[in-house]
């Protein structure tokens, strides 16, 4: 199912037959793997599958948050979240929590609550189990956000103010000023071991002679990029490229390997000639993610692109791309 984000965009999430958002799985660690079945929360051994503990009578279709100490059973419509011990399932208490629709991202026992107040959107990162607020701020409407790896998130304002913060404690990882984006429509951030690829985009441009679509998405909802691409070093936070790369109407597949030096952008095109006949083509662009250089540009190849393959051989210092 699709869920609307606080930024006005949509993302794909797991849902039930009633279009209620579900957590795919709860916390997992040395204490076991925790999941919900109907109104029962169960902890199983990840190797044998044997039940370690279970607790019944809990809110159905809940979202499960937590870590190796606490399991947070959050009702989909908000209210009182039930706190259980991750070790043996005993009741530890209850804490208030917003509905799933009023929260953005989760990490362990932490969640980001969102609230529209006048011309601003307020964000509050807090620990649900303790109620401790780790970070909060307000941003003007039109700001865009993105997850930046599992435990980080990114915020970009239209005036170019950009930051990446930790979902663990709210600390700043990167703070920078990008080019202003008055028509900012969405934001993508891809994190690898060494860098962040930051992709703000304007709305997709209209074409009178056909359509352009993302290809392939790898099962994710991927928008078509129309804007600039930046790269930042993860350790220092410094920009890696002398200037951002400019991209018009290409998609950035999220499933591509993050450890290779190649950043791949793809698109499918259905174009019409002057006689109204249509033809299907695809195009691909490869950038060196270390410095932003254009490596290759394969344009308007006949056919439709549904699969691609990237093979990296570090020993040969070689990357092969098959479209």
Protein backbone atom coordinates (compact mmCIF):
# COMPACT_ATOMS: atom_id res chain seq x y z
CA UNK A 1 0.00 0.00 0.00
CA UNK A 2 1.04 3.63 -0.39
CA UNK A 3 1.51 5.95 2.56
CA UNK A 4 1.64 9.71 2.34
CA UNK A 5 4.75 11.16 3.98
CA UNK A 6 4.85 14.43 5.96
CA UNK A 7 6.47 15.98 2.89
CA UNK A 8 3.52 15.40 0.55
CA UNK A 9 5.19 12.50 -1.30
CA UNK A 10 4.20 8.82 -1.15
CA UNK A 11 6.10 5.67 -0.24
CA UNK A 12 5.35 1.95 -0.34
CA UNK A 13 4.74 0.24 3.02
CA UNK A 14 3.33 -3.10 4.18
CA UNK A 15 -0.42 -3.10 4.82
CA UNK A 16 -3.32 -5.42 5.66
CA UNK A 17 -6.61 -6.02 3.83
CA UNK A 18 -8.06 -2.88 5.42
CA UNK A 19 -5.17 -0.71 4.18
CA UNK A 20 -3.76 -0.38 7.68
CA UNK A 21 0.01 -0.03 7.81
CA UNK A 22 1.83 -2.95 9.40
CA UNK A 23 5.33 -3.47 10.70
CA UNK A 24 7.01 -6.26 8.74
CA UNK A 25 8.85 -7.45 11.85
CA UNK A 26 9.56 -6.16 15.32
CA UNK A 27 12.91 -5.91 17.10
CA UNK A 28 15.45 -8.67 16.47
CA UNK A 29 18.64 -9.42 18.37
CA UNK A 30 20.22 -11.76 20.89
CA UNK A 31 16.91 -11.98 22.76
CA UNK A 32 15.16 -13.36 19.62
CA UNK A 33 12.97 -12.21 16.74
CA UNK A 34 9.70 -10.52 17.68
CA UNK A 35 6.58 -10.38 15.53
CA UNK A 36 2.80 -10.07 15.89
CA UNK A 37 0.08 -12.56 14.97
CA UNK A 38 -3.44 -11.16 15.38
CA UNK A 39 -3.48 -9.79 18.96
CA UNK A 40 -0.49 -11.83 20.13
CA UNK A 41 3.15 -10.68 20.21
CA UNK A 42 5.63 -13.55 19.97
CA UNK A 43 9.40 -13.82 20.48
CA UNK A 44 11.08 -16.78 18.78
CA UNK A 45 14.59 -18.17 18.64
CA UNK A 46 16.02 -17.07 15.25
CA UNK A 47 17.80 -20.41 14.74
CA UNK A 48 15.31 -23.02 15.98
CA UNK A 49 12.07 -21.06 15.56
CA UNK A 50 10.98 -22.14 19.05
CA UNK A 51 8.84 -19.71 21.03
CA UNK A 52 10.75 -17.97 23.82
CA UNK A 53 7.77 -16.01 25.10
CA UNK A 54 4.41 -14.68 23.93
CA UNK A 55 1.80 -12.24 25.20
CA UNK A 56 -1.84 -12.03 24.08
CA UNK A 57 -4.57 -9.40 24.30
CA UNK A 58 -2.60 -6.62 22.61
CA UNK A 59 -3.77 -4.08 19.99
CA UNK A 60 -4.20 -5.70 16.57
CA UNK A 61 -2.33 -4.41 13.50
CA UNK A 62 0.14 -2.68 15.80
CA UNK A 63 3.52 -1.32 14.84
CA UNK A 64 6.34 -2.96 16.80
CA UNK A 65 9.24 -0.77 17.88
CA UNK A 66 12.02 -1.34 20.38
CA UNK A 67 15.42 -2.91 20.97
CA UNK A 68 16.97 -5.73 23.01
CA UNK A 69 15.48 -4.34 26.25
CA UNK A 70 11.95 -3.20 25.39
CA UNK A 71 9.23 -4.00 22.85
CA UNK A 72 6.82 -1.15 22.10
CA UNK A 73 3.41 -2.24 20.81
CA UNK A 74 2.05 0.91 19.16
CA UNK A 75 -1.67 0.95 18.17
CA UNK A 76 -2.12 2.08 14.54
CA UNK A 77 -4.41 4.96 15.55
CA UNK A 78 -2.25 6.11 18.45
CA UNK A 79 -3.08 6.26 22.13
CA UNK A 80 -1.28 4.20 24.77
CA UNK A 81 1.60 2.06 23.53
CA UNK A 82 2.19 -1.12 25.54
CA UNK A 83 5.76 -1.64 26.78
CA UNK A 84 6.93 -5.25 27.13
CA UNK A 85 10.25 -6.66 28.26
CA UNK A 86 12.13 -7.97 25.23
CA UNK A 87 13.69 -10.64 27.46
CA UNK A 88 10.59 -12.35 28.87
CA UNK A 89 7.55 -10.36 27.67
CA UNK A 90 6.40 -9.06 31.06
CA UNK A 91 4.44 -5.78 31.12
CA UNK A 92 6.69 -2.79 31.81
CA UNK A 93 4.11 -0.03 31.45
CA UNK A 94 2.40 2.20 28.92
CA UNK A 95 3.39 5.40 27.13
CA UNK A 96 1.43 7.78 24.85
CA UNK A 97 2.24 7.65 21.14
CA UNK A 98 0.92 9.31 17.99
CA UNK A 99 -0.85 7.41 15.22
CA UNK A 100 1.24 5.90 12.43
CA UNK A 101 -0.03 8.68 10.13
CA UNK A 102 1.44 11.28 12.53
CA UNK A 103 4.88 9.70 12.69
CA UNK A 104 7.60 9.58 10.05
CA UNK A 105 10.57 7.30 10.86
CA UNK A 106 11.45 4.80 13.58
CA UNK A 107 14.72 3.41 14.92
CA UNK A 108 14.79 1.13 17.95
CA UNK A 109 12.56 2.72 20.60
CA UNK A 110 12.80 6.13 18.90
CA UNK A 111 10.26 7.70 16.55
CA UNK A 112 9.82 11.05 14.80
CA UNK A 113 6.43 12.64 15.42
CA UNK A 114 5.17 15.19 12.88
CA UNK A 115 2.69 18.04 13.21
CA UNK A 116 1.57 20.76 10.79
CA UNK A 117 1.38 24.11 12.59
CA UNK A 118 0.47 27.05 10.36
CA UNK A 119 3.13 27.49 7.69
CA UNK A 120 5.52 25.06 9.39
CA UNK A 121 5.93 21.35 9.93
CA UNK A 122 7.19 20.42 13.40
CA UNK A 123 9.37 17.34 13.92
CA UNK A 124 10.09 15.75 17.28
CA UNK A 125 12.47 12.80 17.75
CA UNK A 126 11.84 11.05 21.05
CA UNK A 127 12.25 7.75 22.88
CA UNK A 128 8.79 6.23 23.19
CA UNK A 129 9.75 4.01 26.13
CA UNK A 130 11.05 6.88 28.29
CA UNK A 131 9.35 9.90 26.73
CA UNK A 132 12.73 11.66 26.43
CA UNK A 133 12.85 14.22 23.60
CA UNK A 134 16.14 13.84 21.71
CA UNK A 135 15.67 16.60 19.13
CA UNK A 136 12.92 18.86 17.81
CA UNK A 137 12.66 21.63 15.25
CA UNK A 138 10.22 23.35 12.89
CA UNK A 139 10.64 23.73 9.14
CA UNK A 140 8.72 25.76 6.54
CA UNK A 141 6.20 23.96 4.35
CA UNK A 142 7.85 22.82 1.13
CA UNK A 143 10.78 21.29 3.01
CA UNK A 144 11.60 17.71 2.00
CA UNK A 145 12.98 14.81 4.06
CA UNK A 146 14.47 11.39 3.40
CA UNK A 147 15.81 8.45 5.33
CA UNK A 148 19.60 8.38 4.98
CA UNK A 149 20.47 4.79 5.72
CA UNK A 150 18.75 2.87 8.50
CA UNK A 151 19.64 5.06 11.46
CA UNK A 152 19.86 8.56 9.94
CA UNK A 153 17.57 11.06 8.24
CA UNK A 154 18.05 14.09 5.99
CA UNK A 155 16.20 17.43 5.79
CA UNK A 156 16.45 19.92 2.90
CA UNK A 157 14.75 23.32 2.89
CA UNK A 158 13.93 25.28 -0.25
CA UNK A 159 16.61 27.86 0.56
CA UNK A 160 19.25 25.10 0.37
CA UNK A 161 19.80 24.49 4.10
CA UNK A 162 20.62 20.79 4.39
CA UNK A 163 21.40 18.49 7.27
CA UNK A 164 21.68 14.81 8.10
CA UNK A 165 20.93 13.74 11.68
CA UNK A 166 21.07 10.55 13.70
CA UNK A 167 17.86 8.71 14.57
CA UNK A 168 19.70 7.33 17.61
CA UNK A 169 20.29 10.61 19.45
CA UNK A 170 19.42 13.49 17.07
CA UNK A 171 23.05 14.56 16.62
CA UNK A 172 24.15 16.32 13.42
CA UNK A 173 26.14 14.24 10.93
CA UNK A 174 26.28 16.78 8.09
CA UNK A 175 25.28 20.45 7.89
CA UNK A 176 25.68 22.22 4.56
CA UNK A 177 24.11 24.74 2.22
CA UNK A 178 23.14 23.51 -1.23
CA UNK A 179 21.82 25.51 -4.17
CA UNK A 180 18.34 26.93 -3.49
CA UNK A 181 15.50 24.67 -4.69
CA UNK A 182 12.39 26.87 -5.05
CA UNK A 183 10.50 24.07 -6.84
CA UNK A 184 11.68 21.27 -4.52
CA UNK A 185 9.42 18.23 -4.99
CA UNK A 186 11.28 15.35 -3.31
CA UNK A 187 14.59 14.27 -1.82
CA UNK A 188 16.56 11.03 -2.08
CA UNK A 189 19.65 10.14 -0.05
CA UNK A 190 21.70 6.99 -0.67
CA UNK A 191 24.26 6.13 2.00
CA UNK A 192 27.26 3.84 1.49
CA UNK A 193 30.15 3.02 3.82
CA UNK A 194 32.06 6.01 2.48
CA UNK A 195 29.63 8.63 1.21
CA UNK A 196 26.16 10.10 0.95
CA UNK A 197 24.59 10.69 -2.46
CA UNK A 198 22.07 13.53 -2.07
CA UNK A 199 19.47 14.02 -4.79
CA UNK A 200 16.97 16.91 -4.52
CA UNK A 201 14.58 17.16 -7.43
CA UNK A 202 12.03 19.45 -9.02
CA UNK A 203 8.78 18.08 -10.51
CA UNK A 204 9.23 15.99 -13.62
CA UNK A 205 9.20 18.14 -16.74
CA UNK A 206 6.27 17.74 -19.16
CA UNK A 207 7.02 16.51 -22.67
CA UNK A 208 4.77 17.09 -25.64
CA UNK A 209 6.14 14.17 -27.65
CA UNK A 210 5.93 11.34 -25.13
CA UNK A 211 6.51 10.17 -21.58
CA UNK A 212 9.47 9.22 -19.41
CA UNK A 213 9.25 6.72 -16.55
CA UNK A 214 11.58 5.35 -13.91
CA UNK A 215 13.35 2.11 -14.75
CA UNK A 216 13.78 -0.19 -12.98
CA UNK A 217 12.74 0.46 -9.40
CA UNK A 218 13.68 -2.85 -7.77
CA UNK A 219 10.30 -2.94 -6.05
CA UNK A 220 10.59 0.59 -4.62
CA UNK A 221 8.62 3.68 -5.52
CA UNK A 222 11.31 5.74 -7.25
CA UNK A 223 10.60 9.22 -8.61
CA UNK A 224 12.13 10.60 -11.77
CA UNK A 225 14.99 12.95 -10.87
CA UNK A 226 15.06 16.43 -12.35
CA UNK A 227 17.78 18.43 -10.62
CA UNK A 228 21.23 18.24 -9.06
CA UNK A 229 23.18 15.40 -7.45
CA UNK A 230 25.64 16.00 -4.61
CA UNK A 231 28.12 13.71 -2.83
CA UNK A 232 29.43 14.07 0.73
CA UNK A 233 32.12 12.18 2.60
CA UNK A 234 30.58 10.28 5.52
CA UNK A 235 33.49 10.78 7.89
CA UNK A 236 34.33 14.44 7.33
CA UNK A 237 31.04 15.72 5.92
CA UNK A 238 32.94 17.51 3.14
CA UNK A 239 31.63 17.69 -0.41
CA UNK A 240 33.36 15.21 -2.73
CA UNK A 241 32.61 16.82 -6.10
CA UNK A 242 33.80 20.19 -7.38
CA UNK A 243 30.25 20.91 -8.51
CA UNK A 244 26.98 18.96 -8.44
CA UNK A 245 25.95 16.85 -11.42
CA UNK A 246 22.84 18.06 -13.24
CA UNK A 247 20.30 15.43 -14.26
CA UNK A 248 17.10 15.82 -16.27
CA UNK A 249 14.42 13.14 -16.11
CA UNK A 250 16.38 10.07 -14.98
CA UNK A 251 15.61 7.71 -12.11
CA UNK A 252 18.12 6.61 -9.50
CA UNK A 253 17.52 2.88 -8.79
CA UNK A 254 17.76 2.31 -5.04
CA UNK A 255 18.70 -1.36 -5.42
CA UNK A 256 22.05 -0.73 -7.11
CA UNK A 257 25.19 -1.79 -5.22
CA UNK A 258 26.42 0.95 -2.90
CA UNK A 259 30.02 -0.25 -2.71
CA UNK A 260 30.94 0.30 -6.36
CA UNK A 261 32.43 3.56 -7.69
CA UNK A 262 29.63 3.85 -10.27
CA UNK A 263 26.34 5.68 -9.76
CA UNK A 264 23.79 4.49 -12.33
CA UNK A 265 20.79 6.50 -13.57
CA UNK A 266 18.19 4.98 -15.89
CA UNK A 267 14.95 5.81 -17.67
CA UNK A 268 12.39 4.38 -20.08
CA UNK A 269 11.00 6.60 -22.82
CA UNK A 270 7.92 6.29 -25.00
CA UNK A 271 8.21 8.90 -27.76
CA UNK A 272 5.91 9.88 -30.63
CA UNK A 273 7.10 11.12 -34.01
CA UNK A 274 5.38 13.77 -36.15
CA UNK A 275 3.10 11.11 -37.65
CA UNK A 276 1.87 9.96 -34.24
CA UNK A 277 3.81 6.69 -34.28
CA UNK A 278 5.33 5.75 -30.91
CA UNK A 279 8.54 3.96 -30.14
CA UNK A 280 9.95 2.61 -26.87
CA UNK A 281 13.56 3.34 -25.92
CA UNK A 282 15.71 3.42 -22.79
CA UNK A 283 18.72 5.45 -21.71
CA UNK A 284 21.41 5.10 -19.06
CA UNK A 285 23.99 7.39 -17.47
CA UNK A 286 26.93 6.37 -15.30
CA UNK A 287 28.69 8.79 -12.93
CA UNK A 288 31.90 8.24 -11.00
CA UNK A 289 30.63 8.65 -7.44
CA UNK A 290 34.12 9.63 -6.26
CA UNK A 291 34.29 12.86 -8.28
CA UNK A 292 31.03 13.13 -10.27
CA UNK A 293 32.63 12.61 -13.71
CA UNK A 294 30.46 11.26 -16.52
CA UNK A 295 31.63 7.70 -17.27
CA UNK A 296 29.16 6.73 -19.96
CA UNK A 297 25.93 7.87 -21.57
CA UNK A 298 23.90 5.31 -23.51
CA UNK A 299 20.97 7.14 -25.06
CA UNK A 300 17.74 6.07 -26.79
CA UNK A 301 18.46 2.36 -27.18
CA UNK A 302 15.43 0.58 -28.74
CA UNK A 303 13.39 -1.46 -26.27
CA UNK A 304 12.21 -1.26 -22.67
CA UNK A 305 14.55 -1.66 -19.71
CA UNK A 306 13.30 -3.85 -16.87
CA UNK A 307 16.57 -5.38 -15.62
CA UNK A 308 20.14 -4.26 -15.21
CA UNK A 309 23.29 -5.81 -13.77
CA UNK A 310 26.36 -4.27 -12.14
CA UNK A 311 29.35 -6.57 -11.53
CA UNK A 312 32.36 -5.24 -9.64
CA UNK A 313 35.78 -6.92 -9.50
CA UNK A 314 38.01 -5.04 -7.00
CA UNK A 315 41.06 -7.17 -7.87
CA UNK A 316 40.86 -6.15 -11.52
CA UNK A 317 39.73 -2.63 -10.62
CA UNK A 318 36.84 -3.19 -13.02
CA UNK A 319 33.09 -2.55 -13.07
CA UNK A 320 30.84 -4.07 -15.73
CA UNK A 321 27.35 -2.73 -16.41
CA UNK A 322 24.84 -4.69 -18.49
CA UNK A 323 21.62 -3.00 -19.63
